[in-house]
PDB file of N, CA and C in Angstrom:
ATOM      1  N   THR A   1     103.928  60.256  91.375  1.00  0.00           N
ATOM      2  CA  THR A   1     103.172  61.490  91.279  1.00  0.00           C
ATOM      3  C   THR A   1     104.101  62.642  90.930  1.00  0.00           C
ATOM      4  N   ALA A   2     103.496  63.793  90.684  1.00  0.00           N
ATOM      5  CA  ALA A   2     104.283  64.960  90.281  1.00  0.00           C
ATOM      6  C   ALA A   2     105.178  65.460  91.407  1.00  0.00           C
ATOM      7  N   SER A   3     104.670  65.420  92.625  1.00  0.00           N
ATOM      8  CA  SER A   3     105.493  65.911  93.744  1.00  0.00           C
ATOM      9  C   SER A   3     106.733  65.043  93.950  1.00  0.00           C
ATOM     10  N   THR A   4     106.614  63.757  93.730  1.00  0.00           N
ATOM     11  CA  THR A   4     107.770  62.876  93.855  1.00  0.00           C
ATOM     12  C   THR A   4     108.824  63.204  92.814  1.00  0.00           C
ATOM     13  N   HIS A   5     108.405  63.491  91.596  1.00  0.00           N
ATOM     14  CA  HIS A   5     109.351  63.847  90.539  1.00  0.00           C
ATOM     15  C   HIS A   5     110.020  65.188  90.818  1.00  0.00           C
ATOM     16  N   ILE A   6     109.276  66.130  91.371  1.00  0.00           N
ATOM     17  CA  ILE A   6     109.861  67.432  91.698  1.00  0.00           C
ATOM     18  C   ILE A   6     110.900  67.278  92.803  1.00  0.00           C
ATOM     19  N   ILE A   7     110.573  66.509  93.840  1.00  0.00           N
ATOM     20  CA  ILE A   7     111.525  66.291  94.932  1.00  0.00           C
ATOM     21  C   ILE A   7     112.766  65.576  94.418  1.00  0.00           C
ATOM     22  N   THR A   8     112.590  64.596  93.552  1.00  0.00           N
ATOM     23  CA  THR A   8     113.729  63.884  92.982  1.00  0.00           C
ATOM     24  C   THR A   8     114.596  64.813  92.150  1.00  0.00           C
ATOM     25  N   ALA A   9     113.974  65.716  91.407  1.00  0.00           N
ATOM     26  CA  ALA A   9     114.740  66.652  90.592  1.00  0.00           C
ATOM     27  C   ALA A   9     115.534  67.622  91.451  1.00  0.00           C
ATOM     28  N   VAL A  10     114.956  68.054  92.558  1.00  0.00           N
ATOM     29  CA  VAL A  10     115.646  69.011  93.425  1.00  0.00           C
ATOM     30  C   VAL A  10     116.772  68.333  94.203  1.00  0.00           C
ATOM     31  N   ILE A  11     116.509  67.169  94.757  1.00  0.00           N
ATOM     32  CA  ILE A  11     117.495  66.487  95.593  1.00  0.00           C
ATOM     33  C   ILE A  11     118.524  65.740  94.744  1.00  0.00           C
ATOM     34  N   GLY A  12     118.168  65.371  93.533  1.00  0.00           N
ATOM     35  CA  GLY A  12     119.025  64.530  92.709  1.00  0.00           C
ATOM     36  C   GLY A  12     120.411  65.081  92.469  1.00  0.00           C
ATOM     37  N   SER A  13     120.525  66.372  92.169  1.00  0.00           N
ATOM     38  CA  SER A  13     121.840  66.935  91.886  1.00  0.00           C
ATOM     39  C   SER A  13     122.717  66.942  93.128  1.00  0.00           C
ATOM     40  N   GLY A  14     122.125  67.159  94.288  1.00  0.00           N
ATOM     41  CA  GLY A  14     122.908  67.118  95.522  1.00  0.00           C
ATOM     42  C   GLY A  14     123.419  65.730  95.830  1.00  0.00           C
ATOM     43  N   VAL A  15     122.594  64.732  95.587  1.00  0.00           N
ATOM     44  CA  VAL A  15     123.011  63.351  95.852  1.00  0.00           C
ATOM     45  C   VAL A  15     124.086  62.920  94.859  1.00  0.00           C
ATOM     46  N   LEU A  16     123.966  63.360  93.608  1.00  0.00           N
ATOM     47  CA  LEU A  16     124.964  62.987  92.616  1.00  0.00           C
ATOM     48  C   LEU A  16     126.314  63.641  92.886  1.00  0.00           C
ATOM     49  N   SER A  17     126.312  64.846  93.426  1.00  0.00           N
ATOM     50  CA  SER A  17     127.581  65.523  93.697  1.00  0.00           C
ATOM     51  C   SER A  17     128.158  65.163  95.060  1.00  0.00           C
ATOM     52  N   LEU A  18     127.451  64.376  95.844  1.00  0.00           N
ATOM     53  CA  LEU A  18     127.920  64.018  97.184  1.00  0.00           C
ATOM     54  C   LEU A  18     129.203  63.190  97.128  1.00  0.00           C
ATOM     55  N   ALA A  19     129.290  62.247  96.230  1.00  0.00           N
ATOM     56  CA  ALA A  19     130.496  61.419  96.125  1.00  0.00           C
ATOM     57  C   ALA A  19     131.705  62.255  95.722  1.00  0.00           C
ATOM     58  N   TRP A  20     131.510  63.196  94.817  1.00  0.00           N
ATOM     59  CA  TRP A  20     132.614  64.059  94.386  1.00  0.00           C
ATOM     60  C   TRP A  20     133.095  64.943  95.530  1.00  0.00           C
ATOM     61  N   SER A  21     132.155  65.505  96.295  1.00  0.00           N
ATOM     62  CA  SER A  21     132.555  66.390  97.388  1.00  0.00           C
ATOM     63  C   SER A  21     133.265  65.620  98.498  1.00  0.00           C
ATOM     64  N   ILE A  22     132.833  64.401  98.779  1.00  0.00           N
ATOM     65  CA  ILE A  22     133.535  63.577  99.769  1.00  0.00           C
ATOM     66  C   ILE A  22     134.936  63.234  99.264  1.00  0.00           C
ATOM     67  N   ALA A  23     135.071  62.972  97.969  1.00  0.00           N
ATOM     68  CA  ALA A  23     136.388  62.671  97.406  1.00  0.00           C
ATOM     69  C   ALA A  23     137.314  63.879  97.486  1.00  0.00           C
ATOM     70  N   GLN A  24     136.780  65.077  97.300  1.00  0.00           N
ATOM     71  CA  GLN A  24     137.598  66.282  97.377  1.00  0.00           C
ATOM     72  C   GLN A  24     138.011  66.602  98.810  1.00  0.00           C
ATOM     73  N   LEU A  25     137.126  66.349  99.763  1.00  0.00           N
ATOM     74  CA  LEU A  25     137.415  66.680 101.158  1.00  0.00           C
ATOM     75  C   LEU A  25     138.243  65.615 101.868  1.00  0.00           C
ATOM     76  N   GLY A  26     138.136  64.386 101.440  1.00  0.00           N
ATOM     77  CA  GLY A  26     138.823  63.296 102.131  1.00  0.00           C
ATOM     78  C   GLY A  26     137.869  62.593 103.079  1.00  0.00           C
ATOM     79  N   TRP A  27     138.344  61.470 103.619  1.00  0.00           N
ATOM     80  CA  TRP A  27     137.475  60.665 104.459  1.00  0.00           C
ATOM     81  C   TRP A  27     137.124  61.348 105.770  1.00  0.00           C
ATOM     82  N   VAL A  28     138.077  61.961 106.422  1.00  0.00           N
ATOM     83  CA  VAL A  28     137.836  62.510 107.758  1.00  0.00           C
ATOM     84  C   VAL A  28     136.972  63.763 107.683  1.00  0.00           C
ATOM     85  N   VAL A  29     137.407  64.745 106.903  1.00  0.00           N
ATOM     86  CA  VAL A  29     136.662  66.004 106.811  1.00  0.00           C
ATOM     87  C   VAL A  29     135.335  65.792 106.083  1.00  0.00           C
ATOM     88  N   GLY A  30     135.330  64.921 105.083  1.00  0.00           N
ATOM     89  CA  GLY A  30     134.095  64.640 104.359  1.00  0.00           C
ATOM     90  C   GLY A  30     133.042  64.000 105.243  1.00  0.00           C
ATOM     91  N   LEU A  31     133.461  63.028 106.029  1.00  0.00           N
ATOM     92  CA  LEU A  31     132.527  62.374 106.944  1.00  0.00           C
ATOM     93  C   LEU A  31     132.068  63.330 108.040  1.00  0.00           C
ATOM     94  N   ALA A  32     132.990  64.160 108.539  1.00  0.00           N
ATOM     95  CA  ALA A  32     132.616  65.137 109.569  1.00  0.00           C
ATOM     96  C   ALA A  32     131.622  66.158 109.021  1.00  0.00           C
ATOM     97  N   SER A  33     131.845  66.622 107.795  1.00  0.00           N
ATOM     98  CA  SER A  33     130.903  67.583 107.208  1.00  0.00           C
ATOM     99  C   SER A  33     129.560  66.928 106.913  1.00  0.00           C
ATOM    100  N   LEU A  34     129.572  65.670 106.510  1.00  0.00           N
ATOM    101  CA  LEU A  34     128.320  64.956 106.264  1.00  0.00           C
ATOM    102  C   LEU A  34     127.513  64.809 107.552  1.00  0.00           C
ATOM    103  N   ILE A  35     128.183  64.467 108.634  1.00  0.00           N
ATOM    104  CA  ILE A  35     127.501  64.354 109.926  1.00  0.00           C
ATOM    105  C   ILE A  35     127.029  65.721 110.401  1.00  0.00           C
ATOM    106  N   GLY A  36     127.865  66.747 110.206  1.00  0.00           N
ATOM    107  CA  GLY A  36     127.476  68.100 110.612  1.00  0.00           C
ATOM    108  C   GLY A  36     126.242  68.592 109.885  1.00  0.00           C
ATOM    109  N   PHE A  37     126.208  68.397 108.577  1.00  0.00           N
ATOM    110  CA  PHE A  37     125.042  68.839 107.818  1.00  0.00           C
ATOM    111  C   PHE A  37     123.807  67.998 108.116  1.00  0.00           C
ATOM    112  N   SER A  38     124.006  66.732 108.465  1.00  0.00           N
ATOM    113  CA  SER A  38     122.840  65.930 108.852  1.00  0.00           C
ATOM    114  C   SER A  38     122.266  66.414 110.181  1.00  0.00           C
ATOM    115  N   LEU A  39     123.124  66.875 111.095  1.00  0.00           N
ATOM    116  CA  LEU A  39     122.629  67.440 112.351  1.00  0.00           C
ATOM    117  C   LEU A  39     121.904  68.763 112.120  1.00  0.00           C
ATOM    118  N   ILE A  40     122.401  69.570 111.192  1.00  0.00           N
ATOM    119  CA  ILE A  40     121.711  70.815 110.849  1.00  0.00           C
ATOM    120  C   ILE A  40     120.339  70.514 110.248  1.00  0.00           C
ATOM    121  N   THR A  41     120.269  69.494 109.393  1.00  0.00           N
ATOM    122  CA  THR A  41     118.995  69.095 108.804  1.00  0.00           C
ATOM    123  C   THR A  41     118.037  68.565 109.865  1.00  0.00           C
ATOM    124  N   LEU A  42     118.559  67.819 110.828  1.00  0.00           N
ATOM    125  CA  LEU A  42     117.731  67.323 111.927  1.00  0.00           C
ATOM    126  C   LEU A  42     117.160  68.480 112.741  1.00  0.00           C
ATOM    127  N   PHE A  43     117.982  69.479 113.030  1.00  0.00           N
ATOM    128  CA  PHE A  43     117.521  70.651 113.772  1.00  0.00           C
ATOM    129  C   PHE A  43     116.447  71.399 112.990  1.00  0.00           C
ATOM    130  N   ALA A  44     116.641  71.547 111.669  1.00  0.00           N
ATOM    131  CA  ALA A  44     115.641  72.229 110.844  1.00  0.00           C
ATOM    132  C   ALA A  44     114.327  71.451 110.812  1.00  0.00           C
ATOM    133  N   SER A  45     114.409  70.127 110.800  1.00  0.00           N
ATOM    134  CA  SER A  45     113.173  69.338 110.808  1.00  0.00           C
ATOM    135  C   SER A  45     112.453  69.456 112.144  1.00  0.00           C
ATOM    136  N   PHE A  46     113.198  69.567 113.243  1.00  0.00           N
ATOM    137  CA  PHE A  46     112.562  69.812 114.541  1.00  0.00           C
ATOM    138  C   PHE A  46     111.866  71.165 114.556  1.00  0.00           C
ATOM    139  N   LEU A  47     112.492  72.177 113.967  1.00  0.00           N
ATOM    140  CA  LEU A  47     111.862  73.493 113.894  1.00  0.00           C
ATOM    141  C   LEU A  47     110.582  73.447 113.062  1.00  0.00           C
ATOM    142  N   LEU A  48     110.613  72.715 111.950  1.00  0.00           N
ATOM    143  CA  LEU A  48     109.413  72.583 111.123  1.00  0.00           C
ATOM    144  C   LEU A  48     108.312  71.839 111.864  1.00  0.00           C
ATOM    145  N   ALA A  49     108.673  70.819 112.625  1.00  0.00           N
ATOM    146  CA  ALA A  49     107.669  70.077 113.393  1.00  0.00           C
ATOM    147  C   ALA A  49     107.050  70.958 114.468  1.00  0.00           C
ATOM    148  N   ASP A  50     107.864  71.786 115.123  1.00  0.00           N
ATOM    149  CA  ASP A  50     107.325  72.708 116.126  1.00  0.00           C
ATOM    150  C   ASP A  50     106.405  73.736 115.489  1.00  0.00           C
ATOM    151  N   ALA A  51     106.763  74.210 114.306  1.00  0.00           N
ATOM    152  CA  ALA A  51     105.905  75.172 113.613  1.00  0.00           C
ATOM    153  C   ALA A  51     104.590  74.521 113.200  1.00  0.00           C
ATOM    154  N   TYR A  52     104.627  73.241 112.853  1.00  0.00           N
ATOM    155  CA  TYR A  52     103.405  72.538 112.479  1.00  0.00           C
ATOM    156  C   TYR A  52     102.490  72.353 113.686  1.00  0.00           C
ATOM    157  N   ARG A  53     103.084  72.112 114.850  1.00  0.00           N
ATOM    158  CA  ARG A  53     102.279  71.903 116.053  1.00  0.00           C
ATOM    159  C   ARG A  53     101.626  73.191 116.534  1.00  0.00           C
ATOM    160  N   GLN A  54     102.237  74.326 116.277  1.00  0.00           N
ATOM    161  CA  GLN A  54     101.690  75.613 116.696  1.00  0.00           C
ATOM    162  C   GLN A  54     101.044  76.300 115.496  1.00  0.00           C
ATOM    163  N   VAL A  55     100.100  75.623 114.886  1.00  0.00           N
ATOM    164  CA  VAL A  55      99.529  76.082 113.625  1.00  0.00           C
ATOM    165  C   VAL A  55      98.720  77.362 113.792  1.00  0.00           C
ATOM    166  N   GLN A  56      98.109  77.583 114.935  1.00  0.00           N
ATOM    167  CA  GLN A  56      97.280  78.776 115.102  1.00  0.00           C
ATOM    168  C   GLN A  56      98.125  80.043 115.015  1.00  0.00           C
ATOM    169  N   LEU A  57      99.212  80.085 115.768  1.00  0.00           N
ATOM    170  CA  LEU A  57     100.058  81.267 115.782  1.00  0.00           C
ATOM    171  C   LEU A  57     100.768  81.451 114.445  1.00  0.00           C
ATOM    172  N   CYS A  58     101.312  80.379 113.910  1.00  0.00           N
ATOM    173  CA  CYS A  58     102.014  80.476 112.631  1.00  0.00           C
ATOM    174  C   CYS A  58     101.045  80.777 111.498  1.00  0.00           C
ATOM    175  N   GLY A  59      99.855  80.188 111.554  1.00  0.00           N
ATOM    176  CA  GLY A  59      98.861  80.461 110.520  1.00  0.00           C
ATOM    177  C   GLY A  59      98.430  81.906 110.524  1.00  0.00           C
ATOM    178  N   LEU A  60      98.248  82.478 111.705  1.00  0.00           N
ATOM    179  CA  LEU A  60      97.877  83.887 111.804  1.00  0.00           C
ATOM    180  C   LEU A  60      98.981  84.777 111.250  1.00  0.00           C
ATOM    181  N   ALA A  61     100.220  84.467 111.560  1.00  0.00           N
ATOM    182  CA  ALA A  61     101.342  85.253 111.042  1.00  0.00           C
ATOM    183  C   ALA A  61     101.434  85.129 109.527  1.00  0.00           C
ATOM    184  N   GLN A  62     101.228  83.927 108.991  1.00  0.00           N
ATOM    185  CA  GLN A  62     101.309  83.737 107.544  1.00  0.00           C
ATOM    186  C   GLN A  62     100.172  84.448 106.817  1.00  0.00           C
ATOM    187  N   TYR A  63      98.964  84.386 107.377  1.00  0.00           N
ATOM    188  CA  TYR A  63      97.844  85.065 106.737  1.00  0.00           C
ATOM    189  C   TYR A  63      98.020  86.574 106.756  1.00  0.00           C
ATOM    190  N   SER A  64      98.540  87.121 107.849  1.00  0.00           N
ATOM    191  CA  SER A  64      98.769  88.565 107.883  1.00  0.00           C
ATOM    192  C   SER A  64      99.857  88.957 106.895  1.00  0.00           C
ATOM    193  N   ASN A  65     100.873  88.134 106.757  1.00  0.00           N
ATOM    194  CA  ASN A  65     101.916  88.387 105.764  1.00  0.00           C
ATOM    195  C   ASN A  65     101.350  88.297 104.354  1.00  0.00           C
ATOM    196  N   LEU A  66     100.495  87.312 104.109  1.00  0.00           N
ATOM    197  CA  LEU A  66      99.884  87.144 102.794  1.00  0.00           C
ATOM    198  C   LEU A  66      99.006  88.331 102.430  1.00  0.00           C
ATOM    199  N   VAL A  67      98.235  88.828 103.391  1.00  0.00           N
ATOM    200  CA  VAL A  67      97.385  89.994 103.140  1.00  0.00           C
ATOM    201  C   VAL A  67      98.245  91.213 102.832  1.00  0.00           C
ATOM    202  N   GLY A  68      99.317  91.403 103.586  1.00  0.00           N
ATOM    203  CA  GLY A  68     100.202  92.537 103.343  1.00  0.00           C
ATOM    204  C   GLY A  68     100.855  92.481 101.977  1.00  0.00           C
ATOM    205  N   VAL A  69     101.305  91.310 101.576  1.00  0.00           N
ATOM    206  CA  VAL A  69     101.930  91.161 100.262  1.00  0.00           C
ATOM    207  C   VAL A  69     100.914  91.388  99.156  1.00  0.00           C
ATOM    208  N   THR A  70      99.699  90.876  99.335  1.00  0.00           N
ATOM    209  CA  THR A  70      98.652  91.058  98.328  1.00  0.00           C
ATOM    210  C   THR A  70      98.310  92.528  98.157  1.00  0.00           C
ATOM    211  N   ILE A  71      98.181  93.232  99.253  1.00  0.00           N
ATOM    212  CA  ILE A  71      97.882  94.666  99.169  1.00  0.00           C
ATOM    213  C   ILE A  71      99.047  95.404  98.519  1.00  0.00           C
ATOM    214  N   GLY A  72     100.265  95.041  98.881  1.00  0.00           N
ATOM    215  CA  GLY A  72     101.436  95.687  98.286  1.00  0.00           C
ATOM    216  C   GLY A  72     101.517  95.467  96.790  1.00  0.00           C
ATOM    217  N   TYR A  73     101.267  94.240  96.327  1.00  0.00           N
ATOM    218  CA  TYR A  73     101.302  93.969  94.893  1.00  0.00           C
ATOM    219  C   TYR A  73     100.172  94.672  94.159  1.00  0.00           C
ATOM    220  N   THR A  74      99.013  94.767  94.789  1.00  0.00           N
ATOM    221  CA  THR A  74      97.893  95.475  94.166  1.00  0.00           C
ATOM    222  C   THR A  74      98.219  96.951  93.997  1.00  0.00           C
ATOM    223  N   ILE A  75      98.790  97.553  95.014  1.00  0.00           N
ATOM    224  CA  ILE A  75      99.162  98.969  94.919  1.00  0.00           C
ATOM    225  C   ILE A  75     100.258  99.160  93.879  1.00  0.00           C
ATOM    226  N   THR A  76     101.240  98.283  93.850  1.00  0.00           N
ATOM    227  CA  THR A  76     102.324  98.393  92.877  1.00  0.00           C
ATOM    228  C   THR A  76     101.806  98.233  91.454  1.00  0.00           C
ATOM    229  N   ALA A  77     100.916  97.271  91.242  1.00  0.00           N
ATOM    230  CA  ALA A  77     100.347  97.078  89.905  1.00  0.00           C
ATOM    231  C   ALA A  77      99.495  98.265  89.498  1.00  0.00           C
ATOM    232  N   SER A  78      98.756  98.844  90.434  1.00  0.00           N
ATOM    233  CA  SER A  78      97.929 100.014  90.115  1.00  0.00           C
ATOM    234  C   SER A  78      98.785 101.210  89.749  1.00  0.00           C
ATOM    235  N   ILE A  79      99.878 101.393  90.456  1.00  0.00           N
ATOM    236  CA  ILE A  79     100.767 102.519  90.153  1.00  0.00           C
ATOM    237  C   ILE A  79     101.436 102.326  88.806  1.00  0.00           C
ATOM    238  N   SER A  80     101.851 101.113  88.488  1.00  0.00           N
ATOM    239  CA  SER A  80     102.545 100.891  87.220  1.00  0.00           C
ATOM    240  C   SER A  80     101.599 100.962  86.027  1.00  0.00           C
ATOM    241  N   MET A  81     100.296 100.728  86.226  1.00  0.00           N
ATOM    242  CA  MET A  81      99.340 100.849  85.123  1.00  0.00           C
ATOM    243  C   MET A  81      98.924 102.289  84.887  1.00  0.00           C
ATOM    244  N   ALA A  82      99.126 103.160  85.859  1.00  0.00           N
ATOM    245  CA  ALA A  82      98.691 104.551  85.718  1.00  0.00           C
ATOM    246  C   ALA A  82      99.602 105.338  84.817  1.00  0.00           C
TER     247      ALA A  82
END
């Protein structure tokens, strides 16, 4: 599907450069940085899962942000057309 191709395009360059970056850093620092970044990714996925579980509060915040941005763009477009 299209989403799979988009994800592959975004992640592909990072995966291709991973071997080069490990070669530049060496085995010890490269492996430590790989583990460190995987822990950061794990923490970010936990945050995303928590945000998904609290959909009411996050949804309300996102909708209010969306309304504010829409009003701001409408005012900006109206001013620039005048």
